[in-house]
Structures are given as C-alpha cells and as structure tokens.
Amino acid sequence: MTQDLLPITRIPRTGLPVHAVVVGDPARAAAVAALLDGAEEVSYHREYRVFSGSWKGLPVTVASHGVGGPGAILLFQELADAGIRTFLRFGTAGAMKPGIGDGDLVIAEAAVRDDGVTQQLLPPEYPAVSSPEAVFALQRAAREAEAPHHRGIVWTRAAFQPGLLPLFSYDGAGLAAIEMELSALLVTASLRGLVAGGVLVIDGANADELVDAETTGGYDPHRDVVAAGVERGAIVSLEALRLLAEAEELTA
C-alpha cells in the first residue's frame, strides 16, 4: 500500500536494516549489494535504488542517492525516517593536495558546507562533522584491508563544472578532497542524533596546481586504478559498518 512507502524515495517505512552504506550511482549500489549475503533489491525509484542483505552476519542497507546534495538529502532524511541509525557515504572525489593518489581512500573528518542545500536549512556557522566513531572504524577497516588512505576535511560543492563565477579558493586550508554530497549527510545526521561518516575514492586531481591534462588526458574516472580503489572502498565501508555495530553491542 502506498501509505507504507515514503513519498520521495518510495522506500518502506519499516523493516530496513539500521546500518547503511549510501552511494551516488545506482549501479554502484548494486555492486556493493553484490558483496552481501542474501542481497535483495527493496525498491528503485528515480535515482534511489535500495538493497538489503548481510555482511558477515550484520544486516545492511545499501542505497543510492544520485548526484548532488539537494536530491541526496531527501534520501538521507527518508532513510532516517525509516529507522536507519548509522550511515557511511561511499563515493568518489577529486584530490585537493599533493600526496593523495588516484585510487586512494580519503576518510572524511568533516566537510565544508558548500552543498547547495544545507545553507537553506541552517546558519552557515553550523558544522558538518563526521561521528568520531565512524572515522575510527573507517580508518581501522582501511588499515586491515591494506588500502592506501588519508584522513582530512573534504569540500562538498554543489557545482561540478566550472561556471562564470570565480571559484572560491581554499588554498592553504589543507582540504583533502572535493565531492558533492557528504556535508548534506553529516548535517542531517547531526540534527537527528545519528552516526555518520564518509570514505571517498580519489578519481582524479582537482586542485589547479595538481592537474596535468597533458599527462592524464583530463578527467577520467573510469580507469583501472580508480576501479581498484572502488573495490577496496566497498569492502572498507561494509567492514567499518560491522565494526561500528560491534562497538554498539559492547557499549549497550
């Protein structure tokens, strides 16, 4: 019955596992779900594709949110309405400083709120921060997977392509990477008392001084080095969820 489905994403109001990995691409949601035992597609409406299954005995939800904060925050809000209590965003990003290579993982400690939506919900002074336990779980999972990884602040920016307006510079601020949805998740989680974090696979360089179009041929997220990073990142995300659930049981 339609009253048993939430209005935007059309996901069930009840019954989903409370630990979730959220990704941008519906195809990536299917790829992550393929790593689960007993994976089933729960719903697929617009860009919102949702699966459930289990990872090493932990029931898990995997869902796609599409591109950009305004659409993604609708999924985050409705997943929270459906009972999800732990969120890890697993996505791709551009490197913002030297030493972070293609295929590496960036574990977000916080995000710049340039997402195009949370500015309309809260004053700009309100922070977008990851739950400390999510950061530590992701770092431990990355170490155990022997995945190259870094920690830092990421820039969530609504515009993907450059426009006529000059791009605000964060030179010297030490940002690790740039992506499009994480701050919307972190703000939602903070407002609702949820656990949230993010791990991002580097698929290119975005800082002007790092871009070498002659050598790289320009932005290309479909290279083997990125695909290998995505495979590692999926496992790190799922294992971090398991570690978080394990810690919850110990403190219950």
Protein backbone atom coordinates (compact mmCIF):
# COMPACT_ATOMS: atom_id res chain seq x y z
CA MET A 1 0.00 0.00 0.00
CA THR A 2 1.27 3.48 -0.82
CA GLN A 3 0.95 4.65 2.80
CA ASP A 4 3.61 2.07 3.72
CA LEU A 5 6.13 3.79 1.40
CA LEU A 6 7.87 7.09 1.99
CA PRO A 7 6.82 9.75 -0.54
CA ILE A 8 10.03 10.81 -2.32
CA THR A 9 12.19 7.69 -2.42
CA ARG A 10 9.37 5.12 -2.21
CA ILE A 11 11.27 3.07 0.34
CA PRO A 12 9.41 1.10 3.03
CA ARG A 13 8.68 2.97 6.24
CA THR A 14 9.78 -0.01 8.30
CA GLY A 15 11.85 -3.16 8.01
CA LEU A 16 15.18 -1.91 6.64
CA PRO A 17 18.45 -2.81 8.40
CA VAL A 18 19.54 0.13 10.57
CA HIS A 19 23.15 0.26 9.27
CA ALA A 20 23.54 1.70 5.78
CA VAL A 21 26.10 2.39 3.07
CA VAL A 22 24.95 5.19 0.77
CA VAL A 23 26.44 5.79 -2.68
CA GLY A 24 25.73 8.09 -5.59
CA ASP A 25 25.36 5.73 -8.53
CA PRO A 26 22.51 3.17 -8.60
CA ALA A 27 24.87 0.78 -10.40
CA ARG A 28 27.39 1.14 -7.58
CA ALA A 29 24.64 0.34 -5.08
CA ALA A 30 24.08 -2.92 -6.97
CA ALA A 31 27.83 -3.63 -7.00
CA VAL A 32 28.12 -3.10 -3.24
CA ALA A 33 25.00 -5.18 -2.64
CA ALA A 34 26.57 -8.00 -4.65
CA LEU A 35 29.12 -8.36 -1.83
CA LEU A 36 26.34 -9.09 0.66
CA ASP A 37 24.84 -12.43 1.58
CA GLY A 38 21.20 -12.77 0.64
CA ALA A 39 21.04 -9.40 -1.12
CA GLU A 40 17.61 -8.31 -2.35
CA GLU A 41 16.51 -5.19 -4.17
CA VAL A 42 13.99 -3.43 -1.93
CA SER A 43 13.00 -0.55 -4.20
CA TYR A 44 14.13 1.51 -7.21
CA HIS A 45 12.50 4.90 -7.77
CA ARG A 46 14.21 7.77 -9.63
CA GLU A 47 17.88 7.73 -8.56
CA TYR A 48 17.04 5.99 -5.29
CA ARG A 49 17.91 2.29 -5.52
CA VAL A 50 17.85 0.35 -2.26
CA PHE A 51 19.07 -3.14 -1.33
CA SER A 52 19.23 -5.15 1.86
CA GLY A 53 21.41 -8.11 2.77
CA SER A 54 24.04 -9.05 5.34
CA TRP A 55 27.79 -8.57 5.71
CA LYS A 56 29.47 -11.12 7.99
CA GLY A 57 26.17 -11.58 9.77
CA LEU A 58 25.31 -7.87 10.06
CA PRO A 59 22.07 -6.81 8.32
CA VAL A 60 22.93 -3.91 5.99
CA THR A 61 21.05 -1.44 3.80
CA VAL A 62 22.72 -0.18 0.60
CA ALA A 63 21.12 2.80 -1.13
CA SER A 64 21.92 5.23 -3.95
CA HIS A 65 21.26 8.96 -3.66
CA GLY A 66 22.18 10.33 -7.08
CA VAL A 67 24.32 13.39 -7.83
CA GLY A 68 24.25 16.48 -5.65
CA GLY A 69 23.22 17.47 -2.15
CA PRO A 70 19.61 18.61 -2.74
CA GLY A 71 18.49 15.23 -4.06
CA ALA A 72 20.74 13.23 -1.75
CA ILE A 73 19.43 14.84 1.42
CA LEU A 74 15.94 13.58 0.57
CA LEU A 75 17.23 10.02 0.70
CA PHE A 76 19.12 10.64 3.93
CA GLN A 77 16.04 12.13 5.58
CA GLU A 78 13.73 9.35 4.46
CA LEU A 79 16.18 6.60 5.41
CA ALA A 80 16.32 8.18 8.86
CA ASP A 81 12.51 8.25 8.91
CA ALA A 82 12.61 4.53 8.05
CA GLY A 83 14.81 3.80 11.07
CA ILE A 84 18.38 3.91 9.71
CA ARG A 85 20.71 4.95 12.53
CA THR A 86 24.20 4.57 11.05
CA PHE A 87 25.24 5.99 7.66
CA LEU A 88 28.51 5.69 5.78
CA ARG A 89 28.78 7.51 2.48
CA PHE A 90 30.99 5.68 -0.01
CA GLY A 91 31.74 7.79 -3.07
CA THR A 92 34.38 9.28 -5.33
CA ALA A 93 36.20 12.59 -5.03
CA GLY A 94 38.97 14.72 -6.50
CA ALA A 95 42.25 15.16 -4.65
CA MET A 96 42.93 18.64 -3.30
CA LYS A 97 46.52 18.33 -2.15
CA PRO A 98 49.71 16.51 -3.15
CA GLY A 99 50.39 13.04 -1.85
CA ILE A 100 46.84 11.75 -2.34
CA GLY A 101 46.91 9.45 -5.35
CA ASP A 102 44.31 8.06 -7.73
CA GLY A 103 42.55 5.08 -6.15
CA ASP A 104 43.48 6.17 -2.62
CA LEU A 105 40.77 6.47 0.02
CA VAL A 106 40.02 9.68 1.90
CA ILE A 107 38.25 9.30 5.25
CA ALA A 108 36.35 12.48 5.99
CA GLU A 109 36.72 14.10 9.40
CA ALA A 110 34.42 16.97 8.40
CA ALA A 111 33.13 18.77 5.32
CA VAL A 112 32.83 22.29 4.00
CA ARG A 113 29.10 23.04 3.64
CA ASP A 114 29.05 24.28 0.04
CA ASP A 115 26.43 21.65 -0.89
CA GLY A 116 23.65 23.91 -2.20
CA VAL A 117 21.01 22.77 0.29
CA THR A 118 22.04 22.91 3.96
CA GLN A 119 22.61 26.66 3.67
CA GLN A 120 18.84 26.93 3.25
CA LEU A 121 18.22 24.89 6.39
CA LEU A 122 20.74 26.18 8.93
CA PRO A 123 23.08 29.12 9.51
CA PRO A 124 26.48 28.70 7.81
CA GLU A 125 28.24 28.55 11.19
CA TYR A 126 26.70 25.14 11.93
CA PRO A 127 29.40 22.49 11.31
CA ALA A 128 29.30 19.37 9.15
CA VAL A 129 31.32 16.84 11.14
CA SER A 130 31.69 13.09 10.98
CA SER A 131 30.95 11.00 14.05
CA PRO A 132 34.35 10.22 15.65
CA GLU A 133 33.48 6.53 15.95
CA ALA A 134 32.78 6.41 12.19
CA VAL A 135 36.16 7.97 11.41
CA PHE A 136 37.97 5.48 13.63
CA ALA A 137 36.04 2.49 12.25
CA LEU A 138 36.78 3.50 8.66
CA GLN A 139 40.45 4.03 9.46
CA ARG A 140 40.72 0.64 11.14
CA ALA A 141 38.94 -1.08 8.26
CA ALA A 142 41.23 0.63 5.73
CA ARG A 143 44.32 -0.43 7.64
CA GLU A 144 43.13 -4.03 7.89
CA ALA A 145 42.37 -4.04 4.15
CA GLU A 146 45.83 -2.55 3.47
CA ALA A 147 44.12 0.17 1.45
CA PRO A 148 46.08 3.41 0.88
CA HIS A 149 44.15 6.02 2.82
CA HIS A 150 44.22 9.51 4.28
CA ARG A 151 42.16 11.49 6.79
CA GLY A 152 41.08 15.08 6.41
CA ILE A 153 38.44 17.70 5.71
CA VAL A 154 36.64 17.47 2.38
CA TRP A 155 34.90 20.15 0.37
CA THR A 156 31.31 19.36 -0.56
CA ARG A 157 30.49 21.59 -3.54
CA ALA A 158 27.21 21.71 -5.46
CA ALA A 159 28.64 22.74 -8.85
CA PHE A 160 30.57 20.04 -10.67
CA GLN A 161 31.53 22.04 -13.77
CA PRO A 162 33.18 25.49 -13.59
CA GLY A 163 30.95 28.46 -14.41
CA LEU A 164 31.28 32.19 -14.99
CA LEU A 165 31.69 32.99 -11.30
CA PRO A 166 35.23 32.88 -9.88
CA LEU A 167 35.87 29.74 -7.83
CA PHE A 168 36.44 30.46 -4.15
CA SER A 169 39.91 29.31 -3.20
CA TYR A 170 40.71 27.14 -0.19
CA ASP A 171 44.43 27.33 -0.90
CA GLY A 172 46.34 26.83 2.32
CA ALA A 173 43.34 25.35 4.16
CA GLY A 174 44.62 21.79 3.86
CA LEU A 175 41.49 20.28 2.34
CA ALA A 176 41.98 16.66 1.29
CA ALA A 177 39.35 16.20 -1.44
CA ILE A 178 36.29 17.64 -3.14
CA GLU A 179 32.94 15.87 -3.68
CA MET A 180 29.22 16.72 -3.87
CA GLU A 181 27.05 15.18 -1.12
CA LEU A 182 28.80 14.41 2.16
CA SER A 183 28.08 17.60 4.09
CA ALA A 184 24.34 17.11 3.48
CA LEU A 185 24.62 13.70 5.15
CA LEU A 186 26.70 14.92 8.07
CA VAL A 187 24.35 17.80 8.84
CA THR A 188 21.30 15.53 8.62
CA ALA A 189 22.93 13.03 10.97
CA SER A 190 23.95 15.67 13.50
CA LEU A 191 20.46 17.16 13.57
CA ARG A 192 18.87 13.77 14.14
CA GLY A 193 21.39 12.25 16.55
CA LEU A 194 22.68 9.63 14.10
CA VAL A 195 26.12 8.17 13.42
CA ALA A 196 27.59 9.20 10.05
CA GLY A 197 30.87 9.33 8.18
CA GLY A 198 32.29 9.06 4.71
CA VAL A 199 35.03 7.36 2.74
CA LEU A 200 35.86 8.58 -0.76
CA VAL A 201 37.88 7.05 -3.60
CA ILE A 202 40.09 9.52 -5.43
CA ASP A 203 39.33 9.50 -9.16
CA GLY A 204 41.47 12.46 -10.23
CA ALA A 205 43.08 15.72 -9.10
CA ASN A 206 41.03 18.89 -8.70
CA ALA A 207 43.36 21.48 -7.25
CA ASP A 208 44.67 23.62 -10.12
CA GLU A 209 48.32 23.02 -9.28
CA LEU A 210 47.80 19.24 -9.33
CA VAL A 211 46.06 18.96 -12.69
CA ASP A 212 48.27 17.90 -15.60
CA ALA A 213 45.88 17.49 -18.53
CA GLU A 214 48.70 16.74 -20.99
CA THR A 215 49.83 13.75 -18.94
CA THR A 216 46.46 12.49 -17.76
CA GLY A 217 44.32 13.37 -20.78
CA GLY A 218 41.94 15.22 -18.47
CA TYR A 219 39.37 13.91 -16.01
CA ASP A 220 38.64 10.20 -16.47
CA PRO A 221 37.05 8.34 -13.54
CA HIS A 222 36.83 5.06 -15.47
CA ARG A 223 40.46 3.97 -15.21
CA ASP A 224 41.62 0.68 -13.71
CA VAL A 225 43.34 2.40 -10.78
CA VAL A 226 40.04 4.00 -9.79
CA ALA A 227 38.11 0.75 -10.23
CA ALA A 228 40.57 -1.00 -7.91
CA GLY A 229 40.09 1.76 -5.35
CA VAL A 230 36.32 1.42 -5.59
CA GLU A 231 36.58 -2.32 -4.92
CA ARG A 232 38.69 -1.66 -1.83
CA GLY A 233 36.41 1.15 -0.70
CA ALA A 234 33.31 -1.04 -0.85
CA ILE A 235 34.87 -3.61 1.44
CA VAL A 236 36.20 -0.92 3.79
CA SER A 237 32.73 0.66 4.03
CA LEU A 238 30.99 -2.60 4.84
CA GLU A 239 33.64 -3.70 7.32
CA ALA A 240 33.50 -0.31 9.05
CA LEU A 241 29.74 -0.77 9.48
CA ARG A 242 30.40 -4.13 11.11
CA LEU A 243 32.97 -2.58 13.46
CA LEU A 244 30.51 0.16 14.40
CA ALA A 245 27.78 -2.38 15.11
CA GLU A 246 30.22 -4.46 17.17
CA ALA A 247 31.15 -1.40 19.24
CA GLU A 248 27.47 -0.58 19.77
CA GLU A 249 26.89 -4.04 21.20
CA LEU A 250 29.82 -3.65 23.60
CA THR A 251 28.50 -0.33 24.93
CA ALA A 252 24.81 -1.29 25.05
